[in-house]
Protein backbone atom coordinates (compact mmCIF):
# COMPACT_ATOMS: atom_id res chain seq x y z
CA MET A 1 49.21 -23.89 -17.24
CA THR A 2 46.58 -25.83 -15.34
CA ASN A 3 44.50 -24.57 -12.45
CA THR A 4 43.38 -27.52 -10.33
CA GLY A 5 42.30 -25.49 -7.34
CA GLY A 6 38.61 -25.22 -8.21
CA ALA A 7 35.70 -26.63 -10.17
CA PHE A 8 36.75 -24.77 -13.31
CA VAL A 9 39.93 -26.10 -14.87
CA LEU A 10 41.67 -23.71 -17.26
CA ARG A 11 44.04 -25.36 -19.67
CA ASP A 12 46.49 -23.29 -21.70
CA TRP A 13 45.86 -25.26 -24.87
CA LEU A 14 42.23 -24.15 -24.84
CA LEU A 15 43.07 -20.46 -24.86
CA ASP A 16 45.96 -18.75 -26.62
CA ASP A 17 45.86 -15.89 -24.16
CA PRO A 18 43.47 -16.73 -21.27
CA ALA A 19 43.32 -13.22 -19.81
CA GLU A 20 42.57 -11.59 -23.18
CA THR A 21 40.06 -14.25 -24.18
CA ILE A 22 38.17 -14.07 -20.88
CA GLU A 23 38.12 -10.26 -21.06
CA SER A 24 36.79 -10.42 -24.62
CA LEU A 25 34.14 -12.97 -23.65
CA THR A 26 33.06 -10.89 -20.66
CA GLU A 27 32.75 -7.81 -22.87
CA ARG A 28 30.64 -9.67 -25.41
CA LEU A 29 28.36 -11.17 -22.73
CA SER A 30 27.84 -7.76 -21.11
CA ASN A 31 26.53 -6.33 -24.38
CA PRO A 32 22.72 -6.01 -23.91
CA LYS A 33 22.19 -6.30 -27.68
CA LEU A 34 23.51 -9.87 -27.60
CA PHE A 35 20.50 -11.13 -25.68
CA ALA A 36 18.00 -8.63 -27.04
CA THR A 37 18.67 -9.66 -30.63
CA ASP A 38 19.91 -13.22 -30.42
CA TYR A 39 18.27 -15.22 -27.69
CA THR A 40 15.45 -13.23 -26.11
CA PRO A 41 12.79 -14.18 -28.73
CA VAL A 42 13.76 -17.86 -28.50
CA PHE A 43 13.68 -17.75 -24.69
CA ALA A 44 10.31 -15.94 -24.71
CA LYS A 45 8.82 -18.52 -27.07
CA ARG A 46 10.08 -21.44 -25.00
CA MET A 47 8.79 -19.90 -21.78
CA ALA A 48 5.37 -19.26 -23.35
CA ILE A 49 5.11 -22.87 -24.52
CA THR A 50 6.27 -24.19 -21.15
CA THR A 51 3.81 -21.94 -19.31
CA VAL A 52 0.84 -23.10 -21.39
CA TYR A 53 1.81 -26.77 -21.19
CA THR A 54 2.46 -26.64 -17.42
CA SER A 55 -0.75 -24.72 -16.75
CA ASN A 56 -2.82 -27.33 -18.59
CA LYS A 57 -0.94 -30.13 -16.87
CA LEU A 58 -1.61 -28.63 -13.43
CA GLU A 59 -5.28 -28.17 -14.30
CA GLN A 60 -5.36 -31.80 -15.53
CA THR A 61 -6.77 -30.80 -18.90
CA LEU A 62 -4.24 -32.66 -21.04
CA PRO A 63 -5.47 -35.75 -22.89
CA ASP A 64 -4.90 -38.99 -20.98
CA ASN A 65 -2.42 -40.24 -23.57
CA ALA A 66 -0.63 -36.90 -24.04
CA ARG A 67 3.13 -37.11 -24.39
CA GLU A 68 5.10 -34.06 -23.30
CA HIS A 69 7.20 -33.85 -26.45
CA GLN A 70 4.06 -34.11 -28.63
CA MET A 71 2.36 -31.26 -26.79
CA TYR A 72 5.50 -29.10 -26.98
CA LYS A 73 5.79 -29.79 -30.70
CA LEU A 74 2.13 -28.90 -31.23
CA LEU A 75 2.43 -25.65 -29.25
CA GLU A 76 5.69 -24.66 -30.94
CA GLY A 77 4.12 -25.18 -34.36
CA ILE A 78 1.21 -22.92 -33.41
CA PHE A 79 3.52 -20.28 -31.94
CA ASN A 80 5.69 -20.27 -35.07
CA THR A 81 2.88 -20.19 -37.63
CA ASP A 82 0.12 -18.08 -36.03
CA LEU A 83 0.16 -14.62 -37.53
CA ASP A 84 -1.17 -11.56 -35.69
CA GLU A 85 -4.55 -11.90 -37.40
CA ASP A 86 -4.72 -15.59 -36.42
CA LEU A 87 -4.67 -14.68 -32.74
CA THR A 88 -8.23 -13.38 -32.94
CA SER A 89 -9.55 -15.98 -35.40
CA PRO A 90 -12.39 -18.25 -34.24
CA ALA A 91 -11.47 -21.43 -32.38
CA LYS A 92 -11.45 -24.58 -34.52
CA ALA A 93 -13.35 -26.57 -31.89
CA THR A 94 -15.40 -25.94 -28.78
CA TRP A 95 -14.06 -26.84 -25.36
CA PRO A 96 -15.49 -26.87 -21.83
CA ALA A 97 -14.85 -23.61 -19.99
CA GLU A 98 -14.62 -25.49 -16.70
CA GLY A 99 -11.41 -27.06 -18.00
CA ILE A 100 -12.39 -30.65 -17.29
CA ARG A 101 -10.47 -33.33 -19.16
CA ALA A 102 -12.08 -33.66 -22.54
CA GLN A 103 -11.51 -35.17 -25.94
CA THR A 104 -8.12 -34.59 -27.54
CA ARG A 105 -9.50 -32.14 -30.11
CA GLU A 106 -11.25 -30.09 -27.40
CA THR A 107 -8.18 -30.07 -25.18
CA THR A 108 -6.01 -29.03 -28.09
CA ALA A 109 -8.42 -26.15 -28.82
CA GLN A 110 -8.15 -25.00 -25.21
CA MET A 111 -4.34 -25.07 -25.31
CA VAL A 112 -4.31 -23.19 -28.63
CA GLN A 113 -6.43 -20.39 -27.16
CA HIS A 114 -4.23 -20.23 -24.07
CA LEU A 115 -1.14 -19.87 -26.25
CA ARG A 116 -2.77 -17.29 -28.51
CA ALA A 117 -3.82 -15.15 -25.52
CA LEU A 118 -0.34 -15.31 -24.04
CA LYS A 119 1.23 -14.45 -27.40
CA TYR A 120 -1.12 -11.47 -27.69
CA LEU A 121 0.00 -10.22 -24.26
CA MET A 122 3.64 -10.75 -25.19
CA GLN A 123 3.14 -8.52 -28.23
CA HIS A 124 1.61 -5.78 -26.08
CA VAL A 125 3.92 -5.99 -23.08
CA HIS A 126 5.51 -2.60 -23.79
CA GLN A 127 2.16 -0.82 -23.96
CA SER A 128 0.15 0.43 -21.01
CA LEU A 129 -2.22 -2.09 -19.47
CA THR A 130 -5.80 -1.01 -20.21
CA PRO A 131 -9.26 -2.58 -19.89
CA ASP A 132 -9.28 -2.94 -23.70
CA VAL A 133 -6.15 -5.11 -23.55
CA ILE A 134 -7.76 -7.26 -20.83
CA ILE A 135 -11.00 -7.62 -22.79
CA LYS A 136 -9.22 -8.56 -26.02
CA CYS A 137 -7.04 -11.06 -24.15
CA HIS A 138 -10.16 -12.63 -22.61
CA ARG A 139 -11.83 -12.75 -26.03
CA ILE A 140 -8.85 -14.69 -27.40
CA LEU A 141 -8.39 -16.88 -24.32
CA MET A 142 -11.99 -18.04 -24.10
CA ALA A 143 -12.80 -18.29 -27.83
CA GLY A 144 -14.67 -21.54 -28.45
CA SER A 145 -15.30 -22.25 -24.77
CA VAL A 146 -18.74 -23.45 -23.72
CA ASN A 147 -20.67 -23.40 -20.46
CA ASP A 148 -22.01 -26.51 -18.75
CA ASP A 149 -25.25 -26.17 -20.72
CA GLY A 150 -23.39 -26.10 -24.04
CA THR A 151 -23.82 -22.39 -24.73
CA LEU A 152 -20.81 -20.38 -25.83
CA VAL A 153 -19.11 -18.33 -23.14
CA ASN A 154 -19.70 -14.61 -23.57
CA ASN A 155 -16.01 -13.90 -24.08
CA GLY A 156 -14.47 -10.45 -24.36
CA LYS A 157 -16.96 -8.76 -22.04
CA PHE A 158 -17.02 -8.00 -18.35
CA ARG A 159 -19.50 -10.23 -16.58
CA ASP A 160 -22.85 -8.96 -15.30
CA HIS A 161 -24.04 -12.12 -13.58
CA PRO A 162 -22.94 -14.47 -10.80
CA SER A 163 -19.92 -16.68 -11.42
CA HIS A 164 -17.85 -19.18 -9.48
CA ALA A 165 -14.39 -20.65 -9.24
CA GLY A 166 -14.50 -24.11 -7.73
CA THR A 167 -16.79 -23.84 -4.71
CA HIS A 168 -16.36 -20.07 -4.30
CA VAL A 169 -19.34 -18.13 -5.65
CA TYR A 170 -18.80 -14.51 -6.66
CA ALA A 171 -21.59 -12.02 -6.09
CA GLU A 172 -23.73 -10.88 -9.00
CA GLY A 173 -21.89 -8.28 -11.01
CA ASN A 174 -23.17 -4.74 -11.24
CA PRO A 175 -22.31 -3.56 -14.77
CA VAL A 176 -21.90 0.08 -13.61
CA ILE A 177 -19.40 -0.89 -10.89
CA LEU A 178 -17.63 -3.45 -13.05
CA GLY A 179 -17.29 -0.89 -15.82
CA LYS A 180 -15.33 1.46 -13.57
CA HIS A 181 -13.21 -0.99 -11.56
CA PRO A 182 -11.03 -2.34 -14.40
CA GLU A 183 -9.75 1.15 -15.27
CA CYS A 184 -8.97 1.83 -11.60
CA ILE A 185 -7.13 -1.49 -11.31
CA CYS A 186 -5.18 -0.83 -14.51
CA ALA A 187 -4.27 2.67 -13.33
CA GLN A 188 -3.10 1.31 -9.99
CA TYR A 189 -1.05 -1.33 -11.81
CA ARG A 190 0.53 1.25 -14.09
CA ASN A 191 1.38 3.54 -11.18
CA ASP A 192 2.60 0.82 -8.83
CA GLY A 193 6.33 1.31 -8.52
CA GLY A 194 6.37 3.69 -11.47
CA VAL A 195 5.66 0.93 -13.98
CA ASP A 196 3.81 2.21 -17.03
CA HIS A 197 3.62 -1.09 -18.86
CA PHE A 198 2.90 -4.67 -17.88
């Protein structure tokens, strides 16, 4: 039995009983546990690595001689070996907070912190989004980063001074206002569409 009417060709020697085999396969694929237990962690890891690599590539913060497979291998090794307590460990090197292309070691440190922050969020995705989660994520993300003058970025705290992104300058932060806004934003996020987790 050969079906030549479409892109999929079904040959009888591939399946003893095509109808039964396809029904069995459909049943197995519709089982939510298949993906929850077998492939979801692998997919999540690969997406995290791809996100960090692509983000750094778009920001042009990869080393000039960086090879894609080398960067993926580096990030996968970190993802596989970093334990929960490693996520908050100090950065092994400093790196420019502005994200300009830097030495390989500095760039690697930046990518490591990006991956650690994303991994932290992935571990907390089923919890409610709170200012504490945001602050801890920022502490991890910006660990080891330095300002233009070489001073360490005050990571893990809401700002209380002017800042900028590119040519856009943000107004000076009022600590009282900034202290209240994150909770309001988190509450709005949690209540938007009935979502209680991020």
